[in-house]
Amino acid sequence: MWCPRCKSTRLQRGYNDPVIVLQVAGFRELLCNNCGLEFKGFDPFRKLPRTPARHKETNGKQRRFPRYKVHLPALISLVERNPLTWDVSYSKGSRGHCEVISQGGMALSFVGTHLPEDELMRPGCGLFVTVNLPGSVIAAVLSMVTCDRLGPMGKWLVGAKITQMSDVDADRLACYLAKQATA
């Protein structure tokens, strides 16, 4: 017996019972575990069990990329886009530090003297960041995920994901992270 849609043999008895006359004749509601199609099928001896789906237990602490605590100098600028011409410009940079780095994002801390607070609080705010790695420099455009301010005039803590980076800089970052993994 197989699914009429995807031809899979991963079938189980469905959760809706058909009319009693169809049950006596051997017809049952069947469910494909591959594509989820519910259909009527012939199972006179009730050989197909009714089994709930089993999902892998996931640990909530799994991440796509390993993170490394670092303290690297960084220059952070806001990405400003003209909505009419789509020209991109960058605000005056603010000095800060990259506190955590991974292949997919960074955590930055800085005192935003040159960056307006209302722009930083906007969700998905674009940042152009230049990070000084030991022996090289990388530049990337980041999209802000989290933004917190410590105190009324304190420093900013920003979590952001990398949205654009050149291939050369991505290779430099990968080499740096490989060294961090072995250290």
N, C-alpha and C. Protein backbone atom coordinates (compact mmCIF):
# COMPACT_ATOMS: atom_id res chain seq x y z
N MET A 1 0.85 -1.16 0.00
CA MET A 1 0.00 0.00 0.00
C MET A 1 0.90 1.24 0.00
N TRP A 2 0.51 2.28 -0.74
CA TRP A 2 1.31 3.49 -0.83
C TRP A 2 0.40 4.71 -0.97
N CYS A 3 0.98 5.87 -0.77
CA CYS A 3 0.26 7.14 -0.85
C CYS A 3 -0.03 7.47 -2.31
N PRO A 4 -1.25 7.87 -2.64
CA PRO A 4 -1.55 8.20 -4.04
C PRO A 4 -0.85 9.47 -4.52
N ARG A 5 -0.45 10.36 -3.61
CA ARG A 5 0.19 11.61 -4.03
C ARG A 5 1.69 11.44 -4.22
N CYS A 6 2.38 10.92 -3.19
CA CYS A 6 3.85 10.88 -3.25
C CYS A 6 4.41 9.46 -3.38
N LYS A 7 3.56 8.47 -3.42
CA LYS A 7 3.96 7.06 -3.58
C LYS A 7 4.81 6.53 -2.42
N SER A 8 4.73 7.17 -1.26
CA SER A 8 5.47 6.73 -0.09
C SER A 8 4.75 5.56 0.57
N THR A 9 5.53 4.66 1.18
CA THR A 9 4.94 3.53 1.91
C THR A 9 4.86 3.82 3.41
N ARG A 10 5.21 5.01 3.81
CA ARG A 10 5.16 5.38 5.22
C ARG A 10 3.74 5.83 5.56
N LEU A 11 2.88 4.89 5.84
CA LEU A 11 1.47 5.16 6.11
C LEU A 11 1.11 4.77 7.52
N GLN A 12 0.07 5.39 8.04
CA GLN A 12 -0.50 5.01 9.31
C GLN A 12 -2.00 5.20 9.24
N ARG A 13 -2.70 4.64 10.22
CA ARG A 13 -4.14 4.81 10.27
C ARG A 13 -4.44 6.25 10.62
N GLY A 14 -5.42 6.84 9.95
CA GLY A 14 -5.76 8.24 10.18
C GLY A 14 -6.48 8.44 11.50
N TYR A 15 -6.76 9.70 11.81
CA TYR A 15 -7.38 10.04 13.08
C TYR A 15 -8.89 10.19 12.98
N ASN A 16 -9.44 10.24 11.77
CA ASN A 16 -10.89 10.32 11.59
C ASN A 16 -11.40 8.95 11.15
N ASP A 17 -12.30 8.37 11.92
CA ASP A 17 -12.86 7.06 11.57
C ASP A 17 -13.97 7.25 10.54
N PRO A 18 -14.00 6.42 9.49
CA PRO A 18 -15.08 6.55 8.50
C PRO A 18 -16.39 5.98 9.04
N VAL A 19 -17.40 6.07 8.23
CA VAL A 19 -18.72 5.54 8.59
C VAL A 19 -18.58 4.05 8.89
N ILE A 20 -19.41 3.53 9.81
CA ILE A 20 -19.32 2.14 10.27
C ILE A 20 -19.44 1.14 9.13
N VAL A 21 -20.23 1.47 8.10
CA VAL A 21 -20.40 0.55 6.96
C VAL A 21 -19.07 0.40 6.22
N LEU A 22 -18.35 1.49 6.06
CA LEU A 22 -17.04 1.42 5.38
C LEU A 22 -16.02 0.68 6.25
N GLN A 23 -16.11 0.83 7.56
CA GLN A 23 -15.20 0.12 8.46
C GLN A 23 -15.41 -1.39 8.35
N VAL A 24 -16.66 -1.84 8.30
CA VAL A 24 -16.97 -3.26 8.18
C VAL A 24 -16.43 -3.80 6.86
N ALA A 25 -16.49 -2.97 5.81
CA ALA A 25 -16.00 -3.40 4.50
C ALA A 25 -14.47 -3.37 4.43
N GLY A 26 -13.79 -2.80 5.45
CA GLY A 26 -12.33 -2.80 5.46
C GLY A 26 -11.70 -1.48 5.02
N PHE A 27 -12.51 -0.47 4.76
CA PHE A 27 -11.95 0.82 4.38
C PHE A 27 -11.66 1.65 5.62
N ARG A 28 -10.52 2.27 5.62
CA ARG A 28 -10.08 3.08 6.75
C ARG A 28 -9.58 4.43 6.24
N GLU A 29 -9.58 5.37 7.17
CA GLU A 29 -8.93 6.66 6.90
C GLU A 29 -7.44 6.43 7.09
N LEU A 30 -6.62 6.73 6.08
CA LEU A 30 -5.17 6.55 6.16
C LEU A 30 -4.48 7.90 6.06
N LEU A 31 -3.29 7.96 6.62
CA LEU A 31 -2.52 9.19 6.66
C LEU A 31 -1.09 8.89 6.21
N CYS A 32 -0.61 9.68 5.25
CA CYS A 32 0.77 9.53 4.78
C CYS A 32 1.70 10.31 5.71
N ASN A 33 2.71 9.64 6.23
CA ASN A 33 3.68 10.31 7.10
C ASN A 33 4.69 11.12 6.33
N ASN A 34 4.73 10.97 5.02
CA ASN A 34 5.68 11.72 4.20
C ASN A 34 5.12 13.07 3.78
N CYS A 35 3.91 13.08 3.19
CA CYS A 35 3.36 14.33 2.67
C CYS A 35 2.14 14.81 3.45
N GLY A 36 1.59 14.01 4.37
CA GLY A 36 0.47 14.43 5.19
C GLY A 36 -0.90 14.28 4.55
N LEU A 37 -0.98 13.58 3.43
CA LEU A 37 -2.26 13.39 2.74
C LEU A 37 -3.14 12.42 3.53
N GLU A 38 -4.41 12.80 3.72
CA GLU A 38 -5.39 11.89 4.32
C GLU A 38 -6.25 11.35 3.19
N PHE A 39 -6.42 10.05 3.16
CA PHE A 39 -7.19 9.42 2.09
C PHE A 39 -7.81 8.13 2.61
N LYS A 40 -8.80 7.61 1.87
CA LYS A 40 -9.43 6.35 2.22
C LYS A 40 -8.65 5.21 1.57
N GLY A 41 -8.40 4.16 2.32
CA GLY A 41 -7.66 3.02 1.82
C GLY A 41 -8.23 1.72 2.35
N PHE A 42 -7.81 0.63 1.77
CA PHE A 42 -8.31 -0.69 2.13
C PHE A 42 -7.34 -1.35 3.11
N ASP A 43 -7.79 -1.54 4.34
CA ASP A 43 -7.00 -2.19 5.39
C ASP A 43 -7.94 -3.07 6.20
N PRO A 44 -8.33 -4.26 5.65
CA PRO A 44 -9.36 -5.06 6.32
C PRO A 44 -8.92 -5.65 7.65
N PHE A 45 -7.64 -5.92 7.85
CA PHE A 45 -7.19 -6.56 9.08
C PHE A 45 -6.58 -5.57 10.07
N ARG A 46 -6.70 -4.29 9.81
CA ARG A 46 -6.20 -3.22 10.68
C ARG A 46 -4.71 -3.42 11.00
N LYS A 47 -3.94 -3.68 9.97
CA LYS A 47 -2.51 -3.90 10.16
C LYS A 47 -1.75 -2.58 10.36
N LEU A 48 -2.28 -1.48 9.82
CA LEU A 48 -1.60 -0.19 9.97
C LEU A 48 -1.90 0.39 11.35
N PRO A 49 -0.87 0.68 12.12
CA PRO A 49 -1.10 1.25 13.46
C PRO A 49 -1.38 2.75 13.37
N ARG A 50 -1.84 3.29 14.45
CA ARG A 50 -2.01 4.74 14.57
C ARG A 50 -0.88 5.21 15.48
N THR A 51 0.13 5.81 14.90
CA THR A 51 1.29 6.23 15.67
C THR A 51 1.46 7.74 15.58
N PRO A 52 1.66 8.41 16.69
CA PRO A 52 1.89 9.85 16.65
C PRO A 52 3.28 10.16 16.08
N ALA A 53 3.43 11.35 15.54
CA ALA A 53 4.72 11.76 14.98
C ALA A 53 5.74 11.90 16.10
N ARG A 54 6.94 11.52 15.81
CA ARG A 54 8.03 11.65 16.78
C ARG A 54 8.96 12.75 16.30
N HIS A 55 9.15 13.72 17.14
CA HIS A 55 10.05 14.82 16.83
C HIS A 55 11.28 14.71 17.70
N LYS A 56 12.40 15.09 17.14
CA LYS A 56 13.62 15.09 17.91
C LYS A 56 13.52 16.14 19.01
N GLU A 57 13.96 15.77 20.19
CA GLU A 57 14.01 16.74 21.27
C GLU A 57 15.14 17.70 20.97
N THR A 58 14.83 18.99 20.94
CA THR A 58 15.86 19.97 20.65
C THR A 58 16.22 20.71 21.92
N ASN A 59 17.46 20.94 22.06
CA ASN A 59 17.97 21.73 23.15
C ASN A 59 17.84 23.19 22.73
N GLY A 60 17.27 24.03 23.53
CA GLY A 60 17.06 25.42 23.18
C GLY A 60 18.35 26.21 23.04
N LYS A 61 19.48 25.60 23.37
CA LYS A 61 20.74 26.32 23.33
C LYS A 61 21.56 26.02 22.07
N GLN A 62 20.96 25.36 21.09
CA GLN A 62 21.69 25.06 19.87
C GLN A 62 21.75 26.30 19.00
N ARG A 63 22.89 26.56 18.44
CA ARG A 63 23.09 27.72 17.59
C ARG A 63 23.59 27.27 16.23
N ARG A 64 23.35 28.10 15.23
CA ARG A 64 23.81 27.76 13.88
C ARG A 64 25.32 27.86 13.77
N PHE A 65 25.91 28.83 14.47
CA PHE A 65 27.35 29.03 14.42
C PHE A 65 27.88 29.17 15.84
N PRO A 66 29.09 28.66 16.10
CA PRO A 66 29.68 28.86 17.42
C PRO A 66 30.06 30.32 17.62
N ARG A 67 29.91 30.79 18.84
CA ARG A 67 30.23 32.18 19.18
C ARG A 67 31.50 32.23 20.01
N TYR A 68 32.26 33.30 19.82
CA TYR A 68 33.52 33.46 20.54
C TYR A 68 33.56 34.84 21.17
N LYS A 69 33.87 34.86 22.47
CA LYS A 69 34.02 36.14 23.17
C LYS A 69 35.38 36.73 22.79
N VAL A 70 35.35 37.97 22.33
CA VAL A 70 36.55 38.66 21.90
C VAL A 70 36.46 40.10 22.39
N HIS A 71 37.50 40.84 22.19
CA HIS A 71 37.51 42.28 22.48
C HIS A 71 38.30 42.95 21.37
N LEU A 72 37.61 43.21 20.27
CA LEU A 72 38.26 43.76 19.08
C LEU A 72 37.75 45.17 18.81
N PRO A 73 38.64 46.10 18.47
CA PRO A 73 38.17 47.46 18.14
C PRO A 73 37.34 47.46 16.86
N ALA A 74 36.32 48.32 16.85
CA ALA A 74 35.42 48.38 15.70
C ALA A 74 35.00 49.83 15.45
N LEU A 75 34.67 50.12 14.22
CA LEU A 75 34.11 51.41 13.82
C LEU A 75 32.71 51.15 13.30
N ILE A 76 31.71 51.80 13.89
CA ILE A 76 30.31 51.51 13.61
C ILE A 76 29.64 52.74 13.01
N SER A 77 28.99 52.57 11.86
CA SER A 77 28.26 53.65 11.20
C SER A 77 26.87 53.17 10.85
N LEU A 78 25.93 54.11 10.81
CA LEU A 78 24.58 53.79 10.36
C LEU A 78 24.52 53.77 8.85
N VAL A 79 23.78 52.84 8.28
CA VAL A 79 23.56 52.80 6.84
C VAL A 79 22.31 53.62 6.55
N GLU A 80 22.46 54.65 5.74
CA GLU A 80 21.34 55.51 5.39
C GLU A 80 21.06 55.35 3.91
N ARG A 81 19.78 55.08 3.59
CA ARG A 81 19.41 54.85 2.20
C ARG A 81 18.39 55.91 1.78
N ASN A 82 18.64 56.53 0.62
CA ASN A 82 17.70 57.48 0.06
C ASN A 82 16.56 56.68 -0.57
N PRO A 83 15.30 56.88 -0.10
CA PRO A 83 14.20 56.06 -0.63
C PRO A 83 13.86 56.34 -2.10
N LEU A 84 14.24 57.49 -2.61
CA LEU A 84 13.93 57.81 -4.01
C LEU A 84 14.96 57.25 -4.98
N THR A 85 16.23 57.44 -4.66
CA THR A 85 17.28 57.03 -5.59
C THR A 85 17.97 55.73 -5.19
N TRP A 86 17.69 55.24 -4.00
CA TRP A 86 18.30 54.03 -3.44
C TRP A 86 19.81 54.17 -3.28
N ASP A 87 20.30 55.41 -3.22
CA ASP A 87 21.72 55.63 -2.94
C ASP A 87 21.98 55.36 -1.47
N VAL A 88 23.12 54.76 -1.19
CA VAL A 88 23.48 54.41 0.18
C VAL A 88 24.59 55.33 0.65
N SER A 89 24.45 55.81 1.87
CA SER A 89 25.51 56.60 2.50
C SER A 89 25.65 56.13 3.94
N TYR A 90 26.75 56.50 4.55
CA TYR A 90 27.04 56.07 5.91
C TYR A 90 27.18 57.29 6.80
N SER A 91 26.69 57.20 8.02
CA SER A 91 26.83 58.29 8.97
C SER A 91 28.26 58.33 9.49
N LYS A 92 28.56 59.37 10.24
CA LYS A 92 29.89 59.46 10.86
C LYS A 92 30.06 58.30 11.81
N GLY A 93 31.20 57.66 11.77
CA GLY A 93 31.44 56.46 12.56
C GLY A 93 31.63 56.72 14.04
N SER A 94 31.27 55.75 14.82
CA SER A 94 31.45 55.77 16.26
C SER A 94 32.36 54.62 16.64
N ARG A 95 33.34 54.89 17.48
CA ARG A 95 34.26 53.83 17.89
C ARG A 95 33.60 52.95 18.94
N GLY A 96 33.86 51.66 18.81
CA GLY A 96 33.32 50.71 19.77
C GLY A 96 34.13 49.44 19.77
N HIS A 97 33.54 48.39 20.32
CA HIS A 97 34.22 47.10 20.40
C HIS A 97 33.29 46.00 19.96
N CYS A 98 33.88 44.98 19.35
CA CYS A 98 33.17 43.75 19.03
C CYS A 98 33.39 42.82 20.23
N GLU A 99 32.31 42.51 20.94
CA GLU A 99 32.41 41.70 22.15
C GLU A 99 32.29 40.21 21.88
N VAL A 100 31.41 39.84 20.93
CA VAL A 100 31.17 38.45 20.56
C VAL A 100 31.12 38.39 19.04
N ILE A 101 31.74 37.35 18.47
CA ILE A 101 31.76 37.25 17.01
C ILE A 101 31.48 35.80 16.61
N SER A 102 30.81 35.66 15.48
CA SER A 102 30.55 34.34 14.91
C SER A 102 30.49 34.50 13.40
N GLN A 103 30.29 33.40 12.70
CA GLN A 103 30.20 33.44 11.25
C GLN A 103 28.92 34.14 10.80
N GLY A 104 27.91 34.19 11.65
CA GLY A 104 26.62 34.76 11.26
C GLY A 104 26.30 36.11 11.86
N GLY A 105 27.08 36.58 12.84
CA GLY A 105 26.74 37.85 13.45
C GLY A 105 27.76 38.31 14.47
N MET A 106 27.44 39.44 15.11
CA MET A 106 28.35 40.05 16.08
C MET A 106 27.54 40.70 17.20
N ALA A 107 28.18 40.85 18.34
CA ALA A 107 27.65 41.66 19.43
C ALA A 107 28.62 42.81 19.61
N LEU A 108 28.09 44.03 19.55
CA LEU A 108 28.92 45.23 19.59
C LEU A 108 28.57 46.06 20.81
N SER A 109 29.55 46.76 21.34
CA SER A 109 29.30 47.74 22.41
C SER A 109 29.98 49.04 22.01
N PHE A 110 29.27 50.15 22.25
CA PHE A 110 29.83 51.45 21.90
C PHE A 110 29.05 52.54 22.62
N VAL A 111 29.67 53.70 22.70
CA VAL A 111 29.01 54.89 23.21
C VAL A 111 28.58 55.65 21.97
N GLY A 112 27.30 55.76 21.74
CA GLY A 112 26.78 56.29 20.47
C GLY A 112 26.72 57.79 20.42
N THR A 113 27.86 58.45 20.51
CA THR A 113 27.86 59.91 20.48
C THR A 113 27.50 60.44 19.10
N HIS A 114 27.86 59.72 18.04
CA HIS A 114 27.58 60.19 16.68
C HIS A 114 26.33 59.56 16.09
N LEU A 115 25.72 58.62 16.78
CA LEU A 115 24.59 57.90 16.23
C LEU A 115 23.30 58.29 16.96
N PRO A 116 22.28 58.74 16.22
CA PRO A 116 21.03 59.16 16.88
C PRO A 116 20.28 57.98 17.50
N GLU A 117 19.74 58.22 18.70
CA GLU A 117 19.07 57.16 19.45
C GLU A 117 17.83 56.64 18.73
N ASP A 118 17.06 57.52 18.10
CA ASP A 118 15.84 57.07 17.43
C ASP A 118 16.14 56.15 16.26
N GLU A 119 17.27 56.36 15.57
CA GLU A 119 17.67 55.47 14.47
C GLU A 119 18.14 54.12 14.99
N LEU A 120 18.85 54.13 16.11
CA LEU A 120 19.34 52.87 16.68
C LEU A 120 18.21 51.99 17.21
N MET A 121 17.13 52.60 17.67
CA MET A 121 16.02 51.83 18.23
C MET A 121 15.10 51.27 17.15
N ARG A 122 15.30 51.65 15.91
CA ARG A 122 14.47 51.15 14.81
C ARG A 122 14.82 49.69 14.55
N PRO A 123 13.81 48.78 14.49
CA PRO A 123 14.11 47.36 14.26
C PRO A 123 14.72 47.14 12.88
N GLY A 124 15.72 46.28 12.80
CA GLY A 124 16.37 45.96 11.54
C GLY A 124 17.27 47.07 11.03
N CYS A 125 17.65 47.97 11.90
CA CYS A 125 18.51 49.10 11.52
C CYS A 125 19.80 48.56 10.90
N GLY A 126 20.23 49.16 9.81
CA GLY A 126 21.45 48.73 9.13
C GLY A 126 22.68 49.39 9.69
N LEU A 127 23.72 48.62 9.92
CA LEU A 127 24.99 49.13 10.42
C LEU A 127 26.11 48.71 9.49
N PHE A 128 27.04 49.63 9.24
CA PHE A 128 28.26 49.29 8.53
C PHE A 128 29.36 49.23 9.57
N VAL A 129 29.97 48.07 9.72
CA VAL A 129 30.95 47.84 10.79
C VAL A 129 32.28 47.42 10.19
N THR A 130 33.33 48.04 10.67
CA THR A 130 34.70 47.65 10.34
C THR A 130 35.35 47.14 11.61
N VAL A 131 35.77 45.88 11.61
CA VAL A 131 36.37 45.25 12.79
C VAL A 131 37.85 44.98 12.51
N ASN A 132 38.69 45.35 13.45
CA ASN A 132 40.13 45.12 13.34
C ASN A 132 40.48 43.77 13.95
N LEU A 133 40.64 42.77 13.09
CA LEU A 133 41.11 41.46 13.55
C LEU A 133 42.62 41.53 13.69
N PRO A 134 43.24 40.63 14.45
CA PRO A 134 44.70 40.62 14.52
C PRO A 134 45.30 40.33 13.14
N GLY A 135 45.97 41.30 12.58
CA GLY A 135 46.63 41.12 11.29
C GLY A 135 45.78 41.46 10.09
N SER A 136 44.50 41.77 10.24
CA SER A 136 43.65 42.12 9.10
C SER A 136 42.44 42.92 9.57
N VAL A 137 41.72 43.44 8.60
CA VAL A 137 40.52 44.23 8.87
C VAL A 137 39.38 43.67 8.02
N ILE A 138 38.20 43.53 8.62
CA ILE A 138 37.03 43.09 7.86
C ILE A 138 35.95 44.16 7.95
N ALA A 139 35.14 44.23 6.91
CA ALA A 139 34.01 45.16 6.87
C ALA A 139 32.76 44.38 6.51
N ALA A 140 31.64 44.76 7.12
CA ALA A 140 30.38 44.06 6.87
C ALA A 140 29.21 44.99 7.11
N VAL A 141 28.11 44.70 6.43
CA VAL A 141 26.84 45.36 6.70
C VAL A 141 26.04 44.42 7.58
N LEU A 142 25.56 44.95 8.70
CA LEU A 142 24.83 44.16 9.68
C LEU A 142 23.40 44.66 9.80
N SER A 143 22.51 43.75 10.15
CA SER A 143 21.13 44.11 10.44
C SER A 143 20.91 43.89 11.93
N MET A 144 20.48 44.93 12.64
CA MET A 144 20.36 44.88 14.07
C MET A 144 19.23 43.94 14.50
N VAL A 145 19.51 43.07 15.48
CA VAL A 145 18.52 42.14 16.02
C VAL A 145 18.08 42.60 17.40
N THR A 146 19.03 42.92 18.27
CA THR A 146 18.73 43.42 19.61
C THR A 146 19.49 44.70 19.85
N CYS A 147 18.93 45.55 20.70
CA CYS A 147 19.57 46.81 21.02
C CYS A 147 19.20 47.20 22.45
N ASP A 148 20.18 47.34 23.32
CA ASP A 148 19.95 47.71 24.72
C ASP A 148 20.89 48.86 25.08
N ARG A 149 20.40 49.71 25.98
CA ARG A 149 21.24 50.81 26.45
C ARG A 149 21.37 50.67 27.96
N LEU A 150 22.58 50.72 28.44
CA LEU A 150 22.86 50.62 29.87
C LEU A 150 22.89 52.02 30.46
N GLY A 151 21.86 52.40 31.18
CA GLY A 151 21.77 53.73 31.78
C GLY A 151 21.30 54.76 30.77
N PRO A 152 20.89 55.95 31.25
CA PRO A 152 20.38 56.97 30.34
C PRO A 152 21.44 57.50 29.37
N MET A 153 22.65 57.61 29.79
CA MET A 153 23.73 58.08 28.90
C MET A 153 24.83 57.03 28.78
N GLY A 154 24.48 55.79 29.03
CA GLY A 154 25.46 54.71 29.04
C GLY A 154 25.78 54.18 27.66
N LYS A 155 26.47 53.06 27.66
CA LYS A 155 26.87 52.49 26.37
C LYS A 155 25.77 51.62 25.79
N TRP A 156 25.83 51.43 24.48
CA TRP A 156 24.87 50.60 23.74
C TRP A 156 25.43 49.19 23.62
N LEU A 157 24.55 48.20 23.75
CA LEU A 157 24.88 46.81 23.47
C LEU A 157 23.98 46.37 22.32
N VAL A 158 24.58 45.99 21.20
CA VAL A 158 23.83 45.69 19.99
C VAL A 158 24.19 44.28 19.53
N GLY A 159 23.17 43.48 19.25
CA GLY A 159 23.34 42.18 18.62
C GLY A 159 22.86 42.28 17.19
N ALA A 160 23.68 41.86 16.24
CA ALA A 160 23.32 42.03 14.83
C ALA A 160 23.77 40.82 14.02
N LYS A 161 23.02 40.57 12.94
CA LYS A 161 23.41 39.48 12.04
C LYS A 161 24.05 40.08 10.79
N ILE A 162 24.97 39.33 10.23
CA ILE A 162 25.68 39.79 9.04
C ILE A 162 24.78 39.60 7.82
N THR A 163 24.56 40.68 7.08
CA THR A 163 23.74 40.60 5.87
C THR A 163 24.57 40.70 4.60
N GLN A 164 25.66 41.45 4.63
CA GLN A 164 26.54 41.56 3.46
C GLN A 164 27.98 41.60 3.90
N MET A 165 28.81 40.83 3.17
CA MET A 165 30.25 40.83 3.44
C MET A 165 30.93 40.32 2.18
N SER A 166 32.05 40.91 1.85
CA SER A 166 32.77 40.46 0.65
C SER A 166 33.33 39.06 0.89
N ASP A 167 33.62 38.36 -0.19
CA ASP A 167 34.16 37.01 -0.08
C ASP A 167 35.52 37.01 0.60
N VAL A 168 36.32 38.02 0.32
CA VAL A 168 37.66 38.12 0.92
C VAL A 168 37.53 38.29 2.43
N ASP A 169 36.63 39.18 2.85
CA ASP A 169 36.44 39.40 4.28
C ASP A 169 35.82 38.17 4.95
N ALA A 170 34.93 37.48 4.26
CA ALA A 170 34.34 36.26 4.82
C ALA A 170 35.42 35.20 5.03
N ASP A 171 36.38 35.10 4.10
CA ASP A 171 37.49 34.16 4.26
C ASP A 171 38.37 34.56 5.43
N ARG A 172 38.64 35.85 5.58
CA ARG A 172 39.45 36.33 6.72
C ARG A 172 38.76 36.00 8.04
N LEU A 173 37.45 36.23 8.08
CA LEU A 173 36.69 35.93 9.29
C LEU A 173 36.70 34.44 9.58
N ALA A 174 36.54 33.61 8.56
CA ALA A 174 36.55 32.16 8.75
C ALA A 174 37.91 31.69 9.28
N CYS A 175 38.99 32.23 8.76
CA CYS A 175 40.34 31.88 9.26
C CYS A 175 40.50 32.29 10.72
N TYR A 176 40.04 33.50 11.04
CA TYR A 176 40.15 33.98 12.42
C TYR A 176 39.34 33.09 13.37
N LEU A 177 38.13 32.72 12.96
CA LEU A 177 37.28 31.87 13.81
C LEU A 177 37.85 30.47 13.95
N ALA A 178 38.51 29.97 12.91
CA ALA A 178 39.16 28.66 13.00
C ALA A 178 40.29 28.71 14.03
N LYS A 179 41.04 29.81 14.06
CA LYS A 179 42.10 29.96 15.06
C LYS A 179 41.50 30.06 16.46
N GLN A 180 40.36 30.74 16.59
CA GLN A 180 39.70 30.87 17.89
C GLN A 180 39.20 29.50 18.38
N ALA A 181 38.74 28.67 17.43
CA ALA A 181 38.22 27.35 17.81
C ALA A 181 39.32 26.44 18.35
N THR A 182 40.52 26.56 17.79
CA THR A 182 41.62 25.71 18.25
C THR A 182 42.26 26.24 19.53
N ALA A 183 42.11 27.54 19.79
CA ALA A 183 42.74 28.13 20.99
C ALA A 183 41.96 27.83 22.24
